[in-house]
Amino acid sequence: MDELVERYTNKRVSFRFAGVSLELALSQGLFSSFDVDAGTKFLLRVVAGQVDLETVSRVADLGCGTGVIGIAVAKKNPQCTCVFQDRDALALAFARFNCRTNGVDERSRFAGGLGLQAVDEGPFDLVLSNLPAKAGLPVLSRMIWEMLDRLRPGDAAGGVPGGATAGGVAAVVIVATLADEIGRILHSLGADIFYTEERREHRVHLFRRGVESAAVRAQAESPTAPAPVALTDAGYLAAYLRDRVTFSHGGLSYDLDTVYNLSDFDTLGREASLAMDVMDKWVDACFFDSGSGSVLIWNPGQGHAAVYLSGRFQNLEPGRFILASRDALSLEITRWNLSRSFDAAAGTPVSAPAAYHAASMDALCDDIACQAAKVSLAMLFLQPIPGTGWEEEAVLLLQRVLIPGGLVIASGGSTEIHRFLSALHGMVLHGSRKYHGSRAVALKNPA
């Protein structure tokens, strides 16, 4: 993993917090790729002035990115442990690397998924987050709800801010344009906001569980999705859902529950559409008749290709899909859509698709190889970070998992597809579709 981070690092920076020095690797594929961002610096300055960090033992960095917030606190207090959470597997890889660089890795744990979905630890003395402004208010509401739910309870009426008798503290920073909305969410969930500070572009809130917050949260439960979406078992995904939409392509109609933060939520995008065109042309009706072989989809997005493919080939159960992405949200919504659509068609429970939260395609190789996967169709939706050797990663992945005679469908920008084809050797190009700077190709692995 260190080799991967080295390849994906575009800058190393030094940063000081409350008298301790940090060294950080940053990536152009992640938020704040050239310096520690202003919101994070502001949050840490306020926390250092308002929270007695010597009293905290369990810390959580929610949406950690490269890990700067949690590392700063952990390095300041050598006695505390910290959970680093992010939905982006590449961010977690950088957080791990930066924890080792700064000597706090033995006191750190890392969790992917959505929010605190995969975090078993708690309750926490301190939860911190540079709230992602683009996530949407339902998602931000969910994050704040989780923070309150996981804070160590205490006497909110007594003790110094952040002290042991006052219970756990949460600290968030948000861009000024959403600051009033976040304040309203905090009040609606019964939070006790004991300190607020703002600058022109950001506002920081420090808050605890209020006297009535548990009852308020229990009554409100978690923020849910809009009414048109059936939530049944959506769980953590509920706050991300925006609508159920019917899409049509190649004479086939299918329904998707779509989410905020991912493209193609109301119309079918060019790259997904071109991949489906190629699929229709070069994947024939008997391709999956044998009942063997899996379908690997890298970057499945909202789930268009997976649901369309399962609609085309009724014998292709969700359990034969392998979904992989940096983005846990993409994995969750595609699993949800694929299982839901097949259940609706078959009327009986089916096995869920496998999902791999992987920082890159070469990081994925070992995971899939350990499962002895035999992939007969690999669909790669390329969203590369330039200059990282992603072409070699794609080639290595296909060499490891694609069976003889297997098919590859790759879709992306025309430049990326050209680079991908230039790196391949020995595969036969079946055909190609192009449209307005995007391209999809079909290739066959020799038998």
Protein backbone atom coordinates (compact mmCIF):
# COMPACT_ATOMS: atom_id res chain seq x y z
CA MET A 1 0.00 0.00 0.00
CA ASP A 2 2.93 2.36 0.63
CA GLU A 3 3.97 1.94 -3.00
CA LEU A 4 0.47 2.92 -4.11
CA VAL A 5 0.48 6.04 -1.94
CA GLU A 6 3.93 6.99 -3.23
CA ARG A 7 2.65 6.79 -6.82
CA TYR A 8 -0.49 8.78 -6.01
CA THR A 9 1.27 11.49 -3.96
CA ASN A 10 1.65 14.84 -5.68
CA LYS A 11 2.91 16.88 -2.72
CA ARG A 12 4.23 16.54 0.84
CA VAL A 13 3.58 19.32 3.34
CA SER A 14 4.47 20.15 6.93
CA PHE A 15 1.82 21.34 9.38
CA ARG A 16 1.92 22.47 13.02
CA PHE A 17 -0.88 22.04 15.52
CA ALA A 18 -0.79 23.09 19.17
CA GLY A 19 2.99 22.76 19.34
CA VAL A 20 3.36 19.46 17.46
CA SER A 21 4.60 19.01 13.89
CA LEU A 22 2.99 16.82 11.23
CA GLU A 23 4.26 15.58 7.87
CA LEU A 24 1.53 14.80 5.35
CA ALA A 25 1.34 13.22 1.89
CA LEU A 26 -1.39 14.68 -0.32
CA SER A 27 -2.93 13.48 -3.58
CA GLN A 28 -4.49 15.34 -6.48
CA GLY A 29 -7.18 12.67 -6.44
CA LEU A 30 -8.35 13.81 -3.01
CA PHE A 31 -9.74 16.97 -1.40
CA SER A 32 -7.17 19.68 -0.64
CA SER A 33 -4.36 18.30 -2.74
CA PHE A 34 -1.76 21.07 -2.33
CA ASP A 35 -2.09 22.15 1.31
CA VAL A 36 -4.13 21.62 4.44
CA ASP A 37 -7.37 23.45 3.64
CA ALA A 38 -8.50 26.59 5.46
CA GLY A 39 -11.57 24.95 7.01
CA THR A 40 -9.49 22.19 8.61
CA LYS A 41 -6.97 24.69 9.98
CA PHE A 42 -9.80 26.78 11.42
CA LEU A 43 -11.46 23.75 13.03
CA LEU A 44 -8.23 22.58 14.66
CA ARG A 45 -7.43 26.05 15.98
CA VAL A 46 -10.86 26.30 17.63
CA VAL A 47 -10.62 22.77 19.06
CA ALA A 48 -7.19 23.49 20.52
CA GLY A 49 -8.57 26.58 22.27
CA GLN A 50 -11.88 25.16 23.51
CA VAL A 51 -11.35 21.45 24.24
CA ASP A 52 -9.04 19.99 26.88
CA LEU A 53 -7.42 17.38 24.62
CA GLU A 54 -5.64 15.74 27.55
CA THR A 55 -9.01 14.43 28.79
CA VAL A 56 -10.02 12.62 25.60
CA SER A 57 -9.24 8.97 25.06
CA ARG A 58 -11.46 7.92 22.14
CA VAL A 59 -11.53 10.12 19.04
CA ALA A 60 -13.26 9.77 15.66
CA ASP A 61 -12.38 11.66 12.47
CA LEU A 62 -15.51 11.44 10.29
CA GLY A 63 -14.80 11.94 6.57
CA CYS A 64 -11.09 11.94 7.39
CA GLY A 65 -9.60 12.49 3.92
CA THR A 66 -5.81 12.24 4.26
CA GLY A 67 -6.21 12.10 8.05
CA VAL A 68 -4.88 15.48 9.14
CA ILE A 69 -7.54 16.21 11.80
CA GLY A 70 -7.34 12.89 13.61
CA ILE A 71 -3.56 12.72 13.33
CA ALA A 72 -3.18 16.20 14.79
CA VAL A 73 -5.25 15.30 17.85
CA ALA A 74 -3.62 11.86 18.26
CA LYS A 75 -0.13 13.35 18.06
CA LYS A 76 -1.02 16.04 20.59
CA ASN A 77 -2.38 13.43 23.02
CA PRO A 78 -0.22 10.25 23.03
CA GLN A 79 -2.81 8.46 25.20
CA CYS A 80 -5.80 8.64 22.84
CA THR A 81 -6.94 6.28 20.09
CA CYS A 82 -8.53 7.47 16.87
CA VAL A 83 -10.89 5.99 14.28
CA PHE A 84 -10.45 7.37 10.76
CA GLN A 85 -13.54 7.03 8.55
CA ASP A 86 -14.06 7.87 4.90
CA ARG A 87 -16.19 6.54 2.05
CA ASP A 88 -13.17 6.89 -0.31
CA ALA A 89 -10.73 3.96 -0.11
CA LEU A 90 -7.89 6.09 -1.52
CA ALA A 91 -8.40 8.60 1.29
CA LEU A 92 -8.12 5.77 3.82
CA ALA A 93 -4.91 4.55 2.17
CA PHE A 94 -3.42 8.04 2.56
CA ALA A 95 -4.69 8.32 6.14
CA ARG A 96 -2.97 5.00 6.99
CA PHE A 97 0.27 6.16 5.37
CA ASN A 98 0.18 9.53 7.14
CA CYS A 99 -0.54 7.85 10.48
CA ARG A 100 2.57 5.70 10.06
CA THR A 101 4.63 8.70 9.00
CA ASN A 102 3.57 10.59 12.13
CA GLY A 103 3.93 7.66 14.54
CA VAL A 104 0.27 7.29 15.54
CA ASP A 105 -0.58 4.18 13.51
CA GLU A 106 -0.60 1.82 16.50
CA ARG A 107 -3.35 3.91 18.07
CA SER A 108 -5.40 4.21 14.87
CA ARG A 109 -8.15 2.24 13.17
CA PHE A 110 -9.61 2.78 9.71
CA ALA A 111 -13.18 2.26 8.52
CA GLY A 112 -14.74 2.61 5.09
CA GLY A 113 -18.44 2.70 4.32
CA LEU A 114 -20.99 5.45 4.80
CA GLY A 115 -20.66 7.50 7.95
CA LEU A 116 -20.11 5.38 11.05
CA GLN A 117 -21.65 2.34 9.35
CA ALA A 118 -18.52 0.20 9.79
CA VAL A 119 -17.36 1.69 13.11
CA ASP A 120 -17.90 -0.52 16.15
CA GLU A 121 -15.96 1.62 18.62
CA GLY A 122 -17.52 4.17 20.92
CA PRO A 123 -18.84 6.03 22.67
CA PHE A 124 -16.38 8.77 21.73
CA ASP A 125 -14.96 11.61 23.79
CA LEU A 126 -14.34 13.68 20.68
CA VAL A 127 -15.80 13.44 17.16
CA LEU A 128 -14.48 15.82 14.50
CA SER A 129 -15.47 16.49 10.91
CA ASN A 130 -14.83 18.96 8.12
CA LEU A 131 -18.38 18.49 6.81
CA PRO A 132 -18.51 17.86 3.03
CA ALA A 133 -20.57 20.74 1.65
CA LYS A 134 -21.49 18.87 -1.54
CA ALA A 135 -22.96 15.89 0.31
CA GLY A 136 -26.44 17.43 0.58
CA LEU A 137 -28.41 18.35 3.69
CA PRO A 138 -30.00 14.89 4.23
CA VAL A 139 -26.52 13.34 4.34
CA LEU A 140 -25.15 16.07 6.61
CA SER A 141 -28.16 15.56 8.89
CA ARG A 142 -27.35 11.86 9.05
CA MET A 143 -23.71 12.59 9.90
CA ILE A 144 -24.67 14.93 12.75
CA TRP A 145 -27.25 12.46 14.03
CA GLU A 146 -24.54 9.78 14.14
CA MET A 147 -22.13 12.08 15.95
CA LEU A 148 -24.67 12.77 18.68
CA ASP A 149 -25.57 9.10 18.90
CA ARG A 150 -21.92 8.02 19.40
CA LEU A 151 -20.83 10.74 21.86
CA ARG A 152 -20.10 9.72 25.42
CA PRO A 153 -23.05 10.89 27.53
CA GLY A 154 -22.46 13.21 30.46
CA ASP A 155 -23.90 16.03 32.50
CA ALA A 156 -24.51 18.68 29.84
CA ALA A 157 -25.29 21.29 32.49
CA GLY A 158 -21.98 21.09 34.36
CA GLY A 159 -18.24 20.90 33.88
CA VAL A 160 -15.91 22.85 31.63
CA PRO A 161 -16.30 22.61 27.84
CA GLY A 162 -14.86 19.31 26.76
CA GLY A 163 -14.18 18.24 30.35
CA ALA A 164 -14.87 14.77 31.67
CA THR A 165 -18.15 15.67 33.44
CA ALA A 166 -19.59 17.36 30.39
CA GLY A 167 -19.68 14.27 28.19
CA GLY A 168 -18.27 13.84 24.72
CA VAL A 169 -17.78 16.76 22.34
CA ALA A 170 -18.34 17.00 18.60
CA ALA A 171 -16.67 19.69 16.51
CA VAL A 172 -17.59 20.46 12.92
CA VAL A 173 -16.63 23.08 10.36
CA ILE A 174 -18.90 23.98 7.45
CA VAL A 175 -18.75 26.52 4.64
CA ALA A 176 -20.54 29.77 5.41
CA THR A 177 -23.23 29.22 2.76
CA LEU A 178 -24.55 26.20 4.70
CA ALA A 179 -23.75 27.40 8.22
CA ASP A 180 -27.29 28.49 9.12
CA GLU A 181 -28.74 25.20 7.83
CA ILE A 182 -26.29 23.20 9.95
CA GLY A 183 -27.24 25.29 12.98
CA ARG A 184 -30.91 24.49 12.40
CA ILE A 185 -30.13 20.77 12.05
CA LEU A 186 -28.20 20.80 15.32
CA HIS A 187 -31.08 22.48 17.15
CA SER A 188 -33.64 20.12 15.62
CA LEU A 189 -31.68 17.11 16.91
CA GLY A 190 -31.44 18.50 20.42
CA ALA A 191 -27.71 19.25 20.38
CA ASP A 192 -26.23 21.49 23.06
CA ILE A 193 -24.12 23.99 21.05
CA PHE A 194 -21.72 25.41 23.62
CA TYR A 195 -19.35 27.29 21.30
CA THR A 196 -19.55 28.82 17.82
CA GLU A 197 -16.95 30.79 15.91
CA GLU A 198 -17.04 32.02 12.34
CA ARG A 199 -14.95 33.60 9.66
CA ARG A 200 -15.96 34.93 6.30
CA GLU A 201 -15.89 31.51 4.61
CA HIS A 202 -16.44 29.01 7.46
CA ARG A 203 -18.23 28.43 10.74
CA VAL A 204 -17.24 26.04 13.52
CA HIS A 205 -19.75 24.51 15.96
CA LEU A 206 -18.78 22.66 19.13
CA PHE A 207 -21.64 20.70 20.65
CA ARG A 208 -22.61 17.92 23.01
CA ARG A 209 -25.60 15.72 23.60
CA GLY A 210 -28.22 18.03 25.12
CA VAL A 211 -30.42 17.03 28.04
CA GLU A 212 -33.26 16.22 25.63
CA SER A 213 -31.21 15.25 22.61
CA ALA A 214 -31.55 11.48 23.10
CA ALA A 215 -35.34 11.74 23.16
CA VAL A 216 -35.37 14.10 20.19
CA ARG A 217 -33.12 11.81 18.15
CA ALA A 218 -35.13 8.74 19.08
CA GLN A 219 -38.33 10.43 18.00
CA ALA A 220 -36.85 11.79 14.77
CA GLU A 221 -34.80 8.65 14.12
CA SER A 222 -32.37 9.12 11.25
CA PRO A 223 -33.06 11.65 8.46
CA THR A 224 -34.73 9.70 5.70
CA ALA A 225 -35.03 9.88 1.95
CA PRO A 226 -37.75 11.55 -0.12
CA ALA A 227 -41.14 9.84 -0.17
CA PRO A 228 -40.94 8.42 -3.75
CA VAL A 229 -38.18 5.99 -2.74
CA ALA A 230 -39.15 2.70 -1.08
CA LEU A 231 -36.65 2.28 1.77
CA THR A 232 -37.54 -1.18 3.11
CA ASP A 233 -34.00 -2.31 4.03
CA ALA A 234 -31.94 0.64 2.77
CA GLY A 235 -30.47 1.34 6.22
CA TYR A 236 -27.50 3.69 6.07
CA LEU A 237 -28.22 4.35 2.40
CA ALA A 238 -31.54 6.02 3.17
CA ALA A 239 -30.16 9.53 3.72
CA TYR A 240 -28.34 9.45 0.38
CA LEU A 241 -31.31 8.46 -1.78
CA ARG A 242 -32.90 11.17 -3.88
CA ASP A 243 -35.49 9.55 -6.16
CA ARG A 244 -36.56 6.46 -8.08
CA VAL A 245 -36.20 6.98 -11.83
CA THR A 246 -37.14 4.87 -14.84
CA PHE A 247 -34.45 4.72 -17.53
CA SER A 248 -34.64 3.24 -21.03
CA HIS A 249 -31.93 1.98 -23.37
CA GLY A 250 -31.89 -0.44 -26.26
CA GLY A 251 -35.57 -1.22 -25.88
CA LEU A 252 -35.21 -2.15 -22.20
CA SER A 253 -36.64 -0.12 -19.31
CA TYR A 254 -35.34 -0.41 -15.77
CA ASP A 255 -35.79 1.41 -12.46
CA LEU A 256 -32.99 2.79 -10.30
CA ASP A 257 -33.00 4.40 -6.89
CA THR A 258 -30.49 7.19 -7.38
CA VAL A 259 -28.30 9.01 -4.86
CA TYR A 260 -26.80 12.43 -4.34
CA ASN A 261 -23.05 12.82 -5.01
CA LEU A 262 -22.94 10.46 -8.02
CA SER A 263 -23.53 11.38 -11.67
CA ASP A 264 -26.25 9.94 -13.94
CA PHE A 265 -28.95 10.40 -11.31
CA ASP A 266 -31.68 11.61 -13.68
CA THR A 267 -30.38 10.88 -17.20
CA LEU A 268 -28.20 8.12 -18.61
CA GLY A 269 -24.68 9.51 -19.13
CA ARG A 270 -22.61 9.10 -22.29
CA GLU A 271 -20.09 6.64 -20.93
CA ALA A 272 -22.71 4.32 -19.43
CA SER A 273 -24.79 4.55 -22.60
CA LEU A 274 -21.82 3.73 -24.85
CA ALA A 275 -20.89 0.77 -22.64
CA MET A 276 -24.44 -0.55 -22.96
CA ASP A 277 -24.28 -0.13 -26.75
CA VAL A 278 -21.10 -2.18 -26.83
CA MET A 279 -22.66 -4.75 -24.51
CA ASP A 280 -25.68 -5.13 -26.78
CA LYS A 281 -23.44 -5.60 -29.81
CA TRP A 282 -20.81 -8.02 -28.49
CA VAL A 283 -22.37 -9.88 -25.55
CA ASP A 284 -24.73 -12.43 -27.11
CA ALA A 285 -27.61 -14.31 -25.56
CA CYS A 286 -25.61 -17.47 -24.83
CA PHE A 287 -22.64 -15.73 -23.20
CA PHE A 288 -23.85 -16.50 -19.66
CA ASP A 289 -25.83 -19.67 -20.36
CA SER A 290 -23.21 -21.94 -18.81
CA GLY A 291 -23.94 -20.50 -15.38
CA SER A 292 -20.24 -20.06 -14.65
CA GLY A 293 -18.06 -17.00 -14.57
CA SER A 294 -18.50 -13.70 -12.78
CA VAL A 295 -19.05 -10.14 -13.94
CA LEU A 296 -16.61 -7.56 -12.56
CA ILE A 297 -17.66 -3.90 -12.70
CA TRP A 298 -15.09 -1.28 -11.70
CA ASN A 299 -16.74 2.04 -10.79
CA PRO A 300 -20.38 0.92 -11.13
CA GLY A 301 -21.78 4.40 -10.40
CA GLN A 302 -25.51 4.39 -9.69
CA GLY A 303 -25.76 0.81 -10.98
CA HIS A 304 -26.89 1.44 -14.57
CA ALA A 305 -24.69 -1.16 -16.26
CA ALA A 306 -25.27 -3.83 -13.61
CA VAL A 307 -29.06 -3.53 -13.63
CA TYR A 308 -29.20 -3.26 -17.41
CA LEU A 309 -27.05 -6.38 -17.78
CA SER A 310 -29.16 -8.35 -15.32
CA GLY A 311 -32.25 -7.26 -17.25
CA ARG A 312 -30.74 -8.47 -20.52
CA PHE A 313 -29.71 -11.84 -19.10
CA GLN A 314 -32.30 -13.17 -16.69
CA ASN A 315 -30.07 -16.03 -15.52
CA LEU A 316 -27.41 -13.59 -14.30
CA GLU A 317 -28.07 -13.44 -10.55
CA PRO A 318 -26.67 -10.64 -8.36
CA GLY A 319 -24.39 -13.18 -6.66
CA ARG A 320 -22.39 -13.47 -9.88
CA PHE A 321 -21.46 -9.78 -9.82
CA ILE A 322 -18.24 -8.42 -8.34
CA LEU A 323 -18.51 -4.68 -7.72
CA ALA A 324 -15.39 -2.65 -7.01
CA SER A 325 -14.72 1.05 -6.48
CA ARG A 326 -12.90 3.61 -4.39
CA ASP A 327 -16.32 4.99 -3.48
CA ALA A 328 -18.35 3.07 -0.91
CA LEU A 329 -21.48 4.97 -1.95
CA SER A 330 -21.22 3.60 -5.49
CA LEU A 331 -20.90 0.07 -4.11
CA GLU A 332 -23.85 0.45 -1.74
CA ILE A 333 -26.29 1.93 -4.26
CA THR A 334 -25.37 -0.57 -6.98
CA ARG A 335 -25.77 -3.52 -4.59
CA TRP A 336 -29.11 -2.09 -3.51
CA ASN A 337 -30.37 -1.54 -7.06
CA LEU A 338 -29.10 -4.86 -8.38
CA SER A 339 -30.59 -6.93 -5.56
CA ARG A 340 -33.86 -4.97 -5.56
CA SER A 341 -34.37 -5.25 -9.33
CA PHE A 342 -33.66 -8.98 -9.34
CA ASP A 343 -35.95 -9.57 -6.36
CA ALA A 344 -38.70 -7.71 -8.17
CA ALA A 345 -38.26 -9.89 -11.24
CA ALA A 346 -37.71 -13.23 -9.53
CA GLY A 347 -39.89 -12.75 -6.48
CA THR A 348 -37.47 -14.77 -4.32
CA PRO A 349 -34.42 -13.84 -2.19
CA VAL A 350 -31.08 -14.00 -3.98
CA SER A 351 -27.44 -13.81 -2.94
CA ALA A 352 -26.01 -10.29 -2.83
CA PRO A 353 -23.19 -9.22 -5.15
CA ALA A 354 -19.66 -9.12 -3.77
CA ALA A 355 -18.30 -5.62 -3.15
CA TYR A 356 -14.68 -4.53 -2.82
CA HIS A 357 -13.81 -1.11 -1.43
CA ALA A 358 -10.44 -0.68 -3.13
CA ALA A 359 -8.11 2.32 -3.41
CA SER A 360 -7.06 1.38 -6.96
CA MET A 361 -7.28 -1.40 -9.53
CA ASP A 362 -3.97 -2.96 -8.51
CA ALA A 363 -5.03 -2.88 -4.84
CA LEU A 364 -8.11 -4.79 -5.99
CA CYS A 365 -6.07 -7.57 -7.60
CA ASP A 366 -5.06 -9.30 -4.39
CA ASP A 367 -8.55 -9.12 -2.91
CA ILE A 368 -10.19 -10.73 -5.90
CA ALA A 369 -7.37 -13.26 -6.38
CA CYS A 370 -7.85 -14.38 -2.78
CA GLN A 371 -11.45 -15.18 -3.61
CA ALA A 372 -10.34 -17.21 -6.67
CA ALA A 373 -12.69 -15.21 -8.85
CA LYS A 374 -13.14 -16.31 -12.45
CA VAL A 375 -14.30 -13.26 -14.39
CA SER A 376 -15.89 -13.86 -17.78
CA LEU A 377 -16.91 -10.21 -18.31
CA ALA A 378 -15.00 -7.22 -16.95
CA MET A 379 -16.56 -3.76 -17.30
CA LEU A 380 -14.19 -0.91 -16.48
CA PHE A 381 -15.54 2.62 -16.16
CA LEU A 382 -12.29 4.56 -16.21
CA GLN A 383 -12.00 7.64 -13.99
CA PRO A 384 -8.22 7.79 -13.64
CA ILE A 385 -5.92 10.18 -11.82
CA PRO A 386 -3.34 11.32 -14.40
CA GLY A 387 0.27 10.34 -13.91
CA THR A 388 -0.39 7.45 -11.51
CA GLY A 389 0.26 4.49 -13.81
CA TRP A 390 -3.41 3.54 -13.86
CA GLU A 391 -3.04 1.92 -17.31
CA GLU A 392 -0.65 -0.70 -15.91
CA GLU A 393 -3.03 -1.22 -12.99
CA ALA A 394 -5.88 -2.03 -15.40
CA VAL A 395 -3.72 -4.46 -17.39
CA LEU A 396 -2.55 -6.22 -14.20
CA LEU A 397 -6.12 -6.57 -12.97
CA LEU A 398 -7.30 -8.15 -16.22
CA GLN A 399 -4.33 -10.52 -16.32
CA ARG A 400 -5.14 -11.71 -12.82
CA VAL A 401 -8.90 -12.22 -13.03
CA LEU A 402 -10.10 -12.56 -16.65
CA ILE A 403 -10.60 -16.12 -17.89
CA PRO A 404 -9.41 -17.25 -21.36
CA GLY A 405 -12.04 -16.19 -23.87
CA GLY A 406 -13.37 -13.57 -21.44
CA LEU A 407 -14.65 -10.19 -22.60
CA VAL A 408 -13.60 -6.69 -21.53
CA ILE A 409 -15.75 -3.60 -21.97
CA ALA A 410 -14.00 -0.35 -21.09
CA SER A 411 -15.63 3.09 -21.16
CA GLY A 412 -14.30 6.57 -20.48
CA GLY A 413 -12.91 9.65 -22.15
CA SER A 414 -11.41 9.06 -25.61
CA THR A 415 -7.92 9.96 -24.36
CA GLU A 416 -8.14 7.51 -21.45
CA ILE A 417 -9.39 4.71 -23.71
CA HIS A 418 -6.52 5.35 -26.13
CA ARG A 419 -3.99 5.08 -23.29
CA PHE A 420 -5.70 1.94 -22.02
CA LEU A 421 -5.56 0.26 -25.43
CA SER A 422 -1.90 1.23 -25.87
CA ALA A 423 -1.03 -0.57 -22.63
CA LEU A 424 -2.82 -3.81 -23.58
CA HIS A 425 -1.10 -6.64 -25.42
CA GLY A 426 -2.60 -9.78 -26.87
CA MET A 427 -6.29 -8.91 -26.61
CA VAL A 428 -8.45 -8.70 -29.71
CA LEU A 429 -10.38 -5.47 -30.25
CA HIS A 430 -13.94 -6.43 -31.22
CA GLY A 431 -15.36 -2.98 -31.69
CA SER A 432 -15.75 0.58 -30.49
CA ARG A 433 -18.37 3.29 -30.02
CA LYS A 434 -17.59 7.02 -29.79
CA TYR A 435 -19.63 10.10 -28.97
CA HIS A 436 -18.60 13.67 -28.07
CA GLY A 437 -15.22 12.88 -26.53
CA SER A 438 -16.28 9.62 -24.87
CA ARG A 439 -15.56 6.11 -26.08
CA ALA A 440 -16.35 2.50 -25.18
CA VAL A 441 -14.53 -0.55 -26.53
CA ALA A 442 -14.98 -4.30 -26.42
CA LEU A 443 -11.98 -6.65 -26.31
CA LYS A 444 -11.65 -10.43 -26.07
CA ASN A 445 -9.05 -12.36 -24.14
CA PRO A 446 -7.61 -15.14 -26.34
CA ALA A 447 -8.90 -18.60 -25.41
